Full PDB file with SEQRES, HELIX, SHEET, SSBOND, CRYST1, ORIGX, SCALE, CONECT and MASTER records, all heavy atoms in Angstrom:
SEQRES   1 A   34  LEU THR ASN GLY SER SER GLN THR VAL THR TYR ASN LEU          
SEQRES   2 A   34  ASN ALA GLN LEU PRO GLU GLY TRP GLN ILE SER TYR ARG          
SEQRES   3 A   34  VAL GLU GLY SER GLN VAL THR SER                              
SHEET    1 AA1 2 TYR A  25  VAL A  27  0                                        
SHEET    2 AA1 2 SER A  30  VAL A  32 -1                                        
CRYST1    1.000    1.000    1.000  90.00  90.00  90.00 P 1           1          
ORIGX1      1.000000  0.000000  0.000000        0.00000                         
ORIGX2      0.000000  1.000000  0.000000        0.00000                         
ORIGX3      0.000000  0.000000  1.000000        0.00000                         
SCALE1      1.000000  0.000000  0.000000        0.00000                         
SCALE2      0.000000  1.000000  0.000000        0.00000                         
SCALE3      0.000000  0.000000  1.000000        0.00000                         
ATOM      1  N   LEU A   1       2.762  -8.449   1.322  1.00  0.00           N  
ATOM      2  CA  LEU A   1       3.550  -7.595   2.218  1.00  0.00           C  
ATOM      3  C   LEU A   1       3.718  -8.349   3.544  1.00  0.00           C  
ATOM      4  O   LEU A   1       2.741  -8.811   4.137  1.00  0.00           O  
ATOM      5  CB  LEU A   1       2.842  -6.272   2.457  1.00  0.00           C  
ATOM      6  CG  LEU A   1       3.548  -5.258   3.366  1.00  0.00           C  
ATOM      7  CD1 LEU A   1       4.901  -4.862   2.781  1.00  0.00           C  
ATOM      8  CD2 LEU A   1       2.672  -4.026   3.572  1.00  0.00           C  
ATOM      9  N   THR A   2       4.969  -8.478   3.995  1.00  0.00           N  
ATOM     10  CA  THR A   2       5.288  -9.214   5.223  1.00  0.00           C  
ATOM     11  C   THR A   2       5.954  -8.289   6.227  1.00  0.00           C  
ATOM     12  O   THR A   2       6.941  -7.634   5.915  1.00  0.00           O  
ATOM     13  CB  THR A   2       6.234 -10.402   4.917  1.00  0.00           C  
ATOM     14  OG1 THR A   2       5.626 -11.260   3.951  1.00  0.00           O  
ATOM     15  CG2 THR A   2       6.507 -11.202   6.177  1.00  0.00           C  
ATOM     16  N   ASN A   3       5.378  -8.251   7.442  1.00  0.00           N  
ATOM     17  CA  ASN A   3       5.984  -7.514   8.546  1.00  0.00           C  
ATOM     18  C   ASN A   3       6.773  -8.517   9.401  1.00  0.00           C  
ATOM     19  O   ASN A   3       6.204  -9.263  10.179  1.00  0.00           O  
ATOM     20  CB  ASN A   3       4.912  -6.823   9.388  1.00  0.00           C  
ATOM     21  CG  ASN A   3       5.496  -6.142  10.608  1.00  0.00           C  
ATOM     22  OD1 ASN A   3       6.697  -5.883  10.688  1.00  0.00           O  
ATOM     23  ND2 ASN A   3       4.645  -5.871  11.602  1.00  0.00           N  
ATOM     24  N   GLY A   4       8.089  -8.513   9.225  1.00  0.00           N  
ATOM     25  CA  GLY A   4       8.924  -9.473   9.938  1.00  0.00           C  
ATOM     26  C   GLY A   4       9.441  -8.957  11.269  1.00  0.00           C  
ATOM     27  O   GLY A   4      10.213  -9.651  11.922  1.00  0.00           O  
ATOM     28  N   SER A   5       8.993  -7.738  11.663  1.00  0.00           N  
ATOM     29  CA  SER A   5       9.465  -7.203  12.928  1.00  0.00           C  
ATOM     30  C   SER A   5       8.684  -7.784  14.090  1.00  0.00           C  
ATOM     31  O   SER A   5       7.679  -8.476  13.905  1.00  0.00           O  
ATOM     32  CB  SER A   5       9.356  -5.680  12.924  1.00  0.00           C  
ATOM     33  OG  SER A   5       7.982  -5.299  12.888  1.00  0.00           O  
ATOM     34  N   SER A   6       9.127  -7.474  15.289  1.00  0.00           N  
ATOM     35  CA  SER A   6       8.484  -8.002  16.497  1.00  0.00           C  
ATOM     36  C   SER A   6       7.464  -7.060  17.075  1.00  0.00           C  
ATOM     37  O   SER A   6       7.034  -7.213  18.218  1.00  0.00           O  
ATOM     38  CB  SER A   6       9.558  -8.301  17.554  1.00  0.00           C  
ATOM     39  OG  SER A   6      10.296  -7.116  17.862  1.00  0.00           O  
ATOM     40  N   GLN A   7       7.052  -6.045  16.274  1.00  0.00           N  
ATOM     41  CA  GLN A   7       6.077  -5.075  16.755  1.00  0.00           C  
ATOM     42  C   GLN A   7       5.087  -4.720  15.661  1.00  0.00           C  
ATOM     43  O   GLN A   7       5.333  -4.974  14.478  1.00  0.00           O  
ATOM     44  CB  GLN A   7       6.803  -3.805  17.237  1.00  0.00           C  
ATOM     45  CG  GLN A   7       7.643  -3.156  16.140  1.00  0.00           C  
ATOM     46  CD  GLN A   7       8.427  -1.965  16.650  1.00  0.00           C  
ATOM     47  OE1 GLN A   7       8.183  -1.483  17.742  1.00  0.00           O  
ATOM     48  NE2 GLN A   7       9.367  -1.469  15.863  1.00  0.00           N  
ATOM     49  N   THR A   8       3.950  -4.132  16.043  1.00  0.00           N  
ATOM     50  CA  THR A   8       2.951  -3.700  15.083  1.00  0.00           C  
ATOM     51  C   THR A   8       3.456  -2.467  14.338  1.00  0.00           C  
ATOM     52  O   THR A   8       3.972  -1.530  14.922  1.00  0.00           O  
ATOM     53  CB  THR A   8       1.624  -3.352  15.800  1.00  0.00           C  
ATOM     54  OG1 THR A   8       1.145  -4.536  16.456  1.00  0.00           O  
ATOM     55  CG2 THR A   8       0.580  -2.873  14.809  1.00  0.00           C  
ATOM     56  N   VAL A   9       3.310  -2.484  13.001  1.00  0.00           N  
ATOM     57  CA  VAL A   9       3.875  -1.435  12.148  1.00  0.00           C  
ATOM     58  C   VAL A   9       2.813  -0.956  11.164  1.00  0.00           C  
ATOM     59  O   VAL A   9       2.025  -1.766  10.645  1.00  0.00           O  
ATOM     60  CB  VAL A   9       5.123  -1.936  11.377  1.00  0.00           C  
ATOM     61  CG1 VAL A   9       5.623  -0.896  10.412  1.00  0.00           C  
ATOM     62  CG2 VAL A   9       6.233  -2.319  12.348  1.00  0.00           C  
ATOM     63  N   THR A  10       2.789   0.335  10.863  1.00  0.00           N  
ATOM     64  CA  THR A  10       1.917   0.902   9.831  1.00  0.00           C  
ATOM     65  C   THR A  10       2.737   1.195   8.590  1.00  0.00           C  
ATOM     66  O   THR A  10       3.743   1.904   8.647  1.00  0.00           O  
ATOM     67  CB  THR A  10       1.236   2.201  10.321  1.00  0.00           C  
ATOM     68  OG1 THR A  10       0.429   1.890  11.448  1.00  0.00           O  
ATOM     69  CG2 THR A  10       0.365   2.797   9.219  1.00  0.00           C  
ATOM     70  N   TYR A  11       2.309   0.597   7.465  1.00  0.00           N  
ATOM     71  CA  TYR A  11       2.999   0.792   6.182  1.00  0.00           C  
ATOM     72  C   TYR A  11       2.172   1.735   5.303  1.00  0.00           C  
ATOM     73  O   TYR A  11       0.970   1.544   5.127  1.00  0.00           O  
ATOM     74  CB  TYR A  11       3.176  -0.543   5.449  1.00  0.00           C  
ATOM     75  CG  TYR A  11       4.264  -1.408   6.014  1.00  0.00           C  
ATOM     76  CD1 TYR A  11       3.976  -2.449   6.901  1.00  0.00           C  
ATOM     77  CD2 TYR A  11       5.597  -1.207   5.656  1.00  0.00           C  
ATOM     78  CE1 TYR A  11       4.977  -3.263   7.427  1.00  0.00           C  
ATOM     79  CE2 TYR A  11       6.598  -2.024   6.173  1.00  0.00           C  
ATOM     80  CZ  TYR A  11       6.285  -3.042   7.051  1.00  0.00           C  
ATOM     81  OH  TYR A  11       7.288  -3.841   7.559  1.00  0.00           O  
ATOM     82  N   ASN A  12       2.814   2.761   4.738  1.00  0.00           N  
ATOM     83  CA  ASN A  12       2.205   3.642   3.737  1.00  0.00           C  
ATOM     84  C   ASN A  12       2.652   3.181   2.356  1.00  0.00           C  
ATOM     85  O   ASN A  12       3.839   2.958   2.127  1.00  0.00           O  
ATOM     86  CB  ASN A  12       2.626   5.101   3.964  1.00  0.00           C  
ATOM     87  CG  ASN A  12       2.039   5.667   5.249  1.00  0.00           C  
ATOM     88  OD1 ASN A  12       0.838   5.615   5.463  1.00  0.00           O  
ATOM     89  ND2 ASN A  12       2.900   6.186   6.105  1.00  0.00           N  
ATOM     90  N   LEU A  13       1.678   3.041   1.453  1.00  0.00           N  
ATOM     91  CA  LEU A  13       1.959   2.540   0.107  1.00  0.00           C  
ATOM     92  C   LEU A  13       2.154   3.707  -0.849  1.00  0.00           C  
ATOM     93  O   LEU A  13       1.362   4.651  -0.864  1.00  0.00           O  
ATOM     94  CB  LEU A  13       0.818   1.648  -0.362  1.00  0.00           C  
ATOM     95  CG  LEU A  13       0.523   0.459   0.554  1.00  0.00           C  
ATOM     96  CD1 LEU A  13      -0.736  -0.262   0.113  1.00  0.00           C  
ATOM     97  CD2 LEU A  13       1.693  -0.503   0.609  1.00  0.00           C  
ATOM     98  N   ASN A  14       3.217   3.628  -1.625  1.00  0.00           N  
ATOM     99  CA  ASN A  14       3.576   4.727  -2.513  1.00  0.00           C  
ATOM    100  C   ASN A  14       4.082   4.172  -3.836  1.00  0.00           C  
ATOM    101  O   ASN A  14       4.713   3.130  -3.881  1.00  0.00           O  
ATOM    102  CB  ASN A  14       4.672   5.596  -1.846  1.00  0.00           C  
ATOM    103  CG  ASN A  14       5.121   6.736  -2.717  1.00  0.00           C  
ATOM    104  OD1 ASN A  14       6.047   6.604  -3.508  1.00  0.00           O  
ATOM    105  ND2 ASN A  14       4.450   7.872  -2.583  1.00  0.00           N  
ATOM    106  N   ALA A  15       3.750   4.878  -4.947  1.00  0.00           N  
ATOM    107  CA  ALA A  15       4.175   4.452  -6.276  1.00  0.00           C  
ATOM    108  C   ALA A  15       4.632   5.643  -7.096  1.00  0.00           C  
ATOM    109  O   ALA A  15       4.079   6.740  -6.969  1.00  0.00           O  
ATOM    110  CB  ALA A  15       3.041   3.725  -6.993  1.00  0.00           C  
ATOM    111  N   GLN A  16       5.642   5.425  -7.949  1.00  0.00           N  
ATOM    112  CA  GLN A  16       6.090   6.440  -8.896  1.00  0.00           C  
ATOM    113  C   GLN A  16       5.531   6.066 -10.260  1.00  0.00           C  
ATOM    114  O   GLN A  16       5.991   5.118 -10.890  1.00  0.00           O  
ATOM    115  CB  GLN A  16       7.617   6.496  -8.919  1.00  0.00           C  
ATOM    116  CG  GLN A  16       8.237   6.930  -7.601  1.00  0.00           C  
ATOM    117  CD  GLN A  16       9.759   6.976  -7.661  1.00  0.00           C  
ATOM    118  OE1 GLN A  16      10.326   7.056  -8.739  1.00  0.00           O  
ATOM    119  NE2 GLN A  16      10.409   6.892  -6.513  1.00  0.00           N  
ATOM    120  N   LEU A  17       4.517   6.828 -10.691  1.00  0.00           N  
ATOM    121  CA  LEU A  17       3.792   6.500 -11.923  1.00  0.00           C  
ATOM    122  C   LEU A  17       4.138   7.478 -13.046  1.00  0.00           C  
ATOM    123  O   LEU A  17       4.414   8.652 -12.784  1.00  0.00           O  
ATOM    124  CB  LEU A  17       2.291   6.548 -11.682  1.00  0.00           C  
ATOM    125  CG  LEU A  17       1.726   5.564 -10.653  1.00  0.00           C  
ATOM    126  CD1 LEU A  17       0.274   5.895 -10.353  1.00  0.00           C  
ATOM    127  CD2 LEU A  17       1.851   4.117 -11.152  1.00  0.00           C  
ATOM    128  N   PRO A  18       4.090   7.021 -14.291  1.00  0.00           N  
ATOM    129  CA  PRO A  18       4.200   7.965 -15.401  1.00  0.00           C  
ATOM    130  C   PRO A  18       3.024   8.954 -15.375  1.00  0.00           C  
ATOM    131  O   PRO A  18       1.998   8.668 -14.778  1.00  0.00           O  
ATOM    132  CB  PRO A  18       4.139   7.057 -16.648  1.00  0.00           C  
ATOM    133  CG  PRO A  18       4.509   5.683 -16.144  1.00  0.00           C  
ATOM    134  CD  PRO A  18       4.025   5.617 -14.737  1.00  0.00           C  
ATOM    135  N   GLU A  19       3.181  10.070 -16.042  1.00  0.00           N  
ATOM    136  CA  GLU A  19       2.159  11.102 -16.037  1.00  0.00           C  
ATOM    137  C   GLU A  19       0.843  10.575 -16.634  1.00  0.00           C  
ATOM    138  O   GLU A  19       0.826   9.950 -17.690  1.00  0.00           O  
ATOM    139  CB  GLU A  19       2.628  12.317 -16.837  1.00  0.00           C  
ATOM    140  CG  GLU A  19       1.671  13.499 -16.788  1.00  0.00           C  
ATOM    141  CD  GLU A  19       2.197  14.706 -17.523  1.00  0.00           C  
ATOM    142  OE1 GLU A  19       3.351  14.648 -18.010  1.00  0.00           O  
ATOM    143  OE2 GLU A  19       1.467  15.705 -17.619  1.00  0.00           O  
ATOM    144  N   GLY A  20      -0.248  10.833 -15.910  1.00  0.00           N  
ATOM    145  CA  GLY A  20      -1.570  10.408 -16.378  1.00  0.00           C  
ATOM    146  C   GLY A  20      -1.972   9.012 -15.940  1.00  0.00           C  
ATOM    147  O   GLY A  20      -3.120   8.610 -16.169  1.00  0.00           O  
ATOM    148  N   TRP A  21      -1.076   8.258 -15.306  1.00  0.00           N  
ATOM    149  CA  TRP A  21      -1.392   6.905 -14.843  1.00  0.00           C  
ATOM    150  C   TRP A  21      -2.058   6.973 -13.461  1.00  0.00           C  
ATOM    151  O   TRP A  21      -1.888   7.930 -12.725  1.00  0.00           O  
ATOM    152  CB  TRP A  21      -0.130   6.060 -14.771  1.00  0.00           C  
ATOM    153  CG  TRP A  21       0.448   5.703 -16.108  1.00  0.00           C  
ATOM    154  CD1 TRP A  21       0.748   6.548 -17.136  1.00  0.00           C  
ATOM    155  CD2 TRP A  21       0.825   4.396 -16.569  1.00  0.00           C  
ATOM    156  NE1 TRP A  21       1.282   5.871 -18.205  1.00  0.00           N  
ATOM    157  CE2 TRP A  21       1.335   4.542 -17.874  1.00  0.00           C  
ATOM    158  CE3 TRP A  21       0.774   3.131 -16.004  1.00  0.00           C  
ATOM    159  CZ2 TRP A  21       1.803   3.472 -18.633  1.00  0.00           C  
ATOM    160  CZ3 TRP A  21       1.249   2.051 -16.742  1.00  0.00           C  
ATOM    161  CH2 TRP A  21       1.732   2.223 -18.027  1.00  0.00           C  
ATOM    162  N   GLN A  22      -2.816   5.908 -13.133  1.00  0.00           N  
ATOM    163  CA  GLN A  22      -3.492   5.841 -11.826  1.00  0.00           C  
ATOM    164  C   GLN A  22      -3.283   4.457 -11.227  1.00  0.00           C  
ATOM    165  O   GLN A  22      -3.142   3.457 -11.954  1.00  0.00           O  
ATOM    166  CB  GLN A  22      -4.989   6.129 -11.985  1.00  0.00           C  
ATOM    167  CG  GLN A  22      -5.301   7.539 -12.443  1.00  0.00           C  
ATOM    168  CD  GLN A  22      -6.791   7.779 -12.567  1.00  0.00           C  
ATOM    169  OE1 GLN A  22      -7.578   6.861 -12.702  1.00  0.00           O  
ATOM    170  NE2 GLN A  22      -7.181   9.042 -12.528  1.00  0.00           N  
ATOM    171  N   ILE A  23      -3.287   4.408  -9.873  1.00  0.00           N  
ATOM    172  CA  ILE A  23      -3.086   3.150  -9.161  1.00  0.00           C  
ATOM    173  C   ILE A  23      -4.027   3.064  -7.985  1.00  0.00           C  
ATOM    174  O   ILE A  23      -4.403   4.085  -7.392  1.00  0.00           O  
ATOM    175  CB  ILE A  23      -1.616   3.013  -8.683  1.00  0.00           C  
ATOM    176  CG1 ILE A  23      -1.324   1.613  -8.129  1.00  0.00           C  
ATOM    177  CG2 ILE A  23      -1.288   4.072  -7.638  1.00  0.00           C  
ATOM    178  CD1 ILE A  23       0.133   1.351  -7.858  1.00  0.00           C  
ATOM    179  N   SER A  24      -4.458   1.832  -7.681  1.00  0.00           N  
ATOM    180  CA  SER A  24      -5.289   1.612  -6.487  1.00  0.00           C  
ATOM    181  C   SER A  24      -4.825   0.329  -5.806  1.00  0.00           C  
ATOM    182  O   SER A  24      -4.390  -0.615  -6.464  1.00  0.00           O  
ATOM    183  CB  SER A  24      -6.768   1.499  -6.856  1.00  0.00           C  
ATOM    184  OG  SER A  24      -7.001   0.385  -7.704  1.00  0.00           O  
ATOM    185  N   TYR A  25      -4.906   0.330  -4.456  1.00  0.00           N  
ATOM    186  CA  TYR A  25      -4.520  -0.831  -3.635  1.00  0.00           C  
ATOM    187  C   TYR A  25      -5.770  -1.344  -2.932  1.00  0.00           C  
ATOM    188  O   TYR A  25      -6.533  -0.562  -2.340  1.00  0.00           O  
ATOM    189  CB  TYR A  25      -3.481  -0.426  -2.584  1.00  0.00           C  
ATOM    190  CG  TYR A  25      -2.284   0.337  -3.118  1.00  0.00           C  
ATOM    191  CD1 TYR A  25      -2.323   1.736  -3.180  1.00  0.00           C  
ATOM    192  CD2 TYR A  25      -1.138  -0.298  -3.544  1.00  0.00           C  
ATOM    193  CE1 TYR A  25      -1.241   2.453  -3.657  1.00  0.00           C  
ATOM    194  CE2 TYR A  25      -0.051   0.408  -4.024  1.00  0.00           C  
ATOM    195  CZ  TYR A  25      -0.108   1.798  -4.066  1.00  0.00           C  
ATOM    196  OH  TYR A  25       0.963   2.501  -4.538  1.00  0.00           O  
ATOM    197  N   ARG A  26      -5.953  -2.651  -2.947  1.00  0.00           N  
ATOM    198  CA  ARG A  26      -7.116  -3.239  -2.283  1.00  0.00           C  
ATOM    199  C   ARG A  26      -6.664  -4.374  -1.350  1.00  0.00           C  
ATOM    200  O   ARG A  26      -5.875  -5.222  -1.739  1.00  0.00           O  
ATOM    201  CB  ARG A  26      -8.131  -3.781  -3.295  1.00  0.00           C  
ATOM    202  CG  ARG A  26      -8.848  -2.676  -4.046  1.00  0.00           C  
ATOM    203  CD  ARG A  26     -10.010  -3.192  -4.888  1.00  0.00           C  
ATOM    204  NE  ARG A  26     -10.691  -2.118  -5.552  1.00  0.00           N  
ATOM    205  CZ  ARG A  26     -11.657  -1.397  -5.008  1.00  0.00           C  
ATOM    206  NH1 ARG A  26     -12.065  -1.681  -3.783  1.00  0.00           N  
ATOM    207  NH2 ARG A  26     -12.243  -0.418  -5.677  1.00  0.00           N  
ATOM    208  N   VAL A  27      -7.200  -4.302  -0.119  1.00  0.00           N  
ATOM    209  CA  VAL A  27      -6.950  -5.340   0.897  1.00  0.00           C  
ATOM    210  C   VAL A  27      -8.299  -5.881   1.324  1.00  0.00           C  
ATOM    211  O   VAL A  27      -9.144  -5.125   1.838  1.00  0.00           O  
ATOM    212  CB  VAL A  27      -6.177  -4.761   2.096  1.00  0.00           C  
ATOM    213  CG1 VAL A  27      -6.044  -5.813   3.188  1.00  0.00           C  
ATOM    214  CG2 VAL A  27      -4.795  -4.272   1.664  1.00  0.00           C  
ATOM    215  N   GLU A  28      -8.518  -7.164   1.061  1.00  0.00           N  
ATOM    216  CA  GLU A  28      -9.773  -7.838   1.399  1.00  0.00           C  
ATOM    217  C   GLU A  28     -10.973  -7.091   0.841  1.00  0.00           C  
ATOM    218  O   GLU A  28     -11.993  -6.903   1.498  1.00  0.00           O  
ATOM    219  CB  GLU A  28      -9.894  -7.994   2.929  1.00  0.00           C  
ATOM    220  CG  GLU A  28      -8.786  -8.850   3.513  1.00  0.00           C  
ATOM    221  CD  GLU A  28      -8.830  -8.922   5.045  1.00  0.00           C  
ATOM    222  OE1 GLU A  28      -9.699  -8.250   5.621  1.00  0.00           O  
ATOM    223  OE2 GLU A  28      -8.022  -9.658   5.627  1.00  0.00           O  
ATOM    224  N   GLY A  29     -10.826  -6.587  -0.402  1.00  0.00           N  
ATOM    225  CA  GLY A  29     -11.932  -5.919  -1.086  1.00  0.00           C  
ATOM    226  C   GLY A  29     -12.063  -4.444  -0.835  1.00  0.00           C  
ATOM    227  O   GLY A  29     -12.810  -3.762  -1.531  1.00  0.00           O  
ATOM    228  N   SER A  30     -11.339  -3.868   0.131  1.00  0.00           N  
ATOM    229  CA  SER A  30     -11.426  -2.448   0.454  1.00  0.00           C  
ATOM    230  C   SER A  30     -10.214  -1.710  -0.113  1.00  0.00           C  
ATOM    231  O   SER A  30      -9.088  -2.196  -0.013  1.00  0.00           O  
ATOM    232  CB  SER A  30     -11.501  -2.242   1.960  1.00  0.00           C  
ATOM    233  OG  SER A  30     -12.657  -2.863   2.503  1.00  0.00           O  
ATOM    234  N   GLN A  31     -10.458  -0.528  -0.647  1.00  0.00           N  
ATOM    235  CA  GLN A  31      -9.372   0.279  -1.205  1.00  0.00           C  
ATOM    236  C   GLN A  31      -8.644   0.979  -0.069  1.00  0.00           C  
ATOM    237  O   GLN A  31      -9.251   1.593   0.809  1.00  0.00           O  
ATOM    238  CB  GLN A  31      -9.910   1.299  -2.199  1.00  0.00           C  
ATOM    239  CG  GLN A  31      -8.822   2.022  -2.950  1.00  0.00           C  
ATOM    240  CD  GLN A  31      -9.361   2.779  -4.146  1.00  0.00           C  
ATOM    241  OE1 GLN A  31     -10.358   2.377  -4.739  1.00  0.00           O  
ATOM    242  NE2 GLN A  31      -8.738   3.895  -4.508  1.00  0.00           N  
ATOM    243  N   VAL A  32      -7.299   0.914  -0.076  1.00  0.00           N  
ATOM    244  CA  VAL A  32      -6.488   1.496   1.003  1.00  0.00           C  
ATOM    245  C   VAL A  32      -5.291   2.237   0.411  1.00  0.00           C  
ATOM    246  O   VAL A  32      -4.946   2.057  -0.779  1.00  0.00           O  
ATOM    247  CB  VAL A  32      -5.968   0.396   1.960  1.00  0.00           C  
ATOM    248  CG1 VAL A  32      -7.121  -0.353   2.601  1.00  0.00           C  
ATOM    249  CG2 VAL A  32      -5.035  -0.568   1.222  1.00  0.00           C  
ATOM    250  N   THR A  33      -4.683   3.063   1.216  1.00  0.00           N  
ATOM    251  CA  THR A  33      -3.397   3.692   0.878  1.00  0.00           C  
ATOM    252  C   THR A  33      -2.334   3.370   1.930  1.00  0.00           C  
ATOM    253  O   THR A  33      -1.162   3.649   1.717  1.00  0.00           O  
ATOM    254  CB  THR A  33      -3.542   5.222   0.741  1.00  0.00           C  
ATOM    255  OG1 THR A  33      -4.094   5.736   1.964  1.00  0.00           O  
ATOM    256  CG2 THR A  33      -4.445   5.570  -0.418  1.00  0.00           C  
ATOM    257  N   SER A  34      -2.783   2.806   3.065  1.00  0.00           N  
ATOM    258  CA  SER A  34      -1.869   2.381   4.123  1.00  0.00           C  
ATOM    259  C   SER A  34      -2.542   1.265   4.901  1.00  0.00           C  
ATOM    260  O   SER A  34      -3.770   1.116   4.843  1.00  0.00           O  
ATOM    261  CB  SER A  34      -1.487   3.542   5.037  1.00  0.00           C  
ATOM    262  OG  SER A  34      -2.640   4.017   5.710  1.00  0.00           O  
TER     263      SER A  34                                                      
MASTER        0    0    0    0    2    0    0    6  262    1    0    3          
END                                                                             
């Protein structure tokens, strides 16, 4: 993920999953959603 703007930005991560599926995001070993 690249922030090409000239200011600090908060990104929220979102996914459209089939029913019953699960997703997790990890940044430097820690689980995050944003």
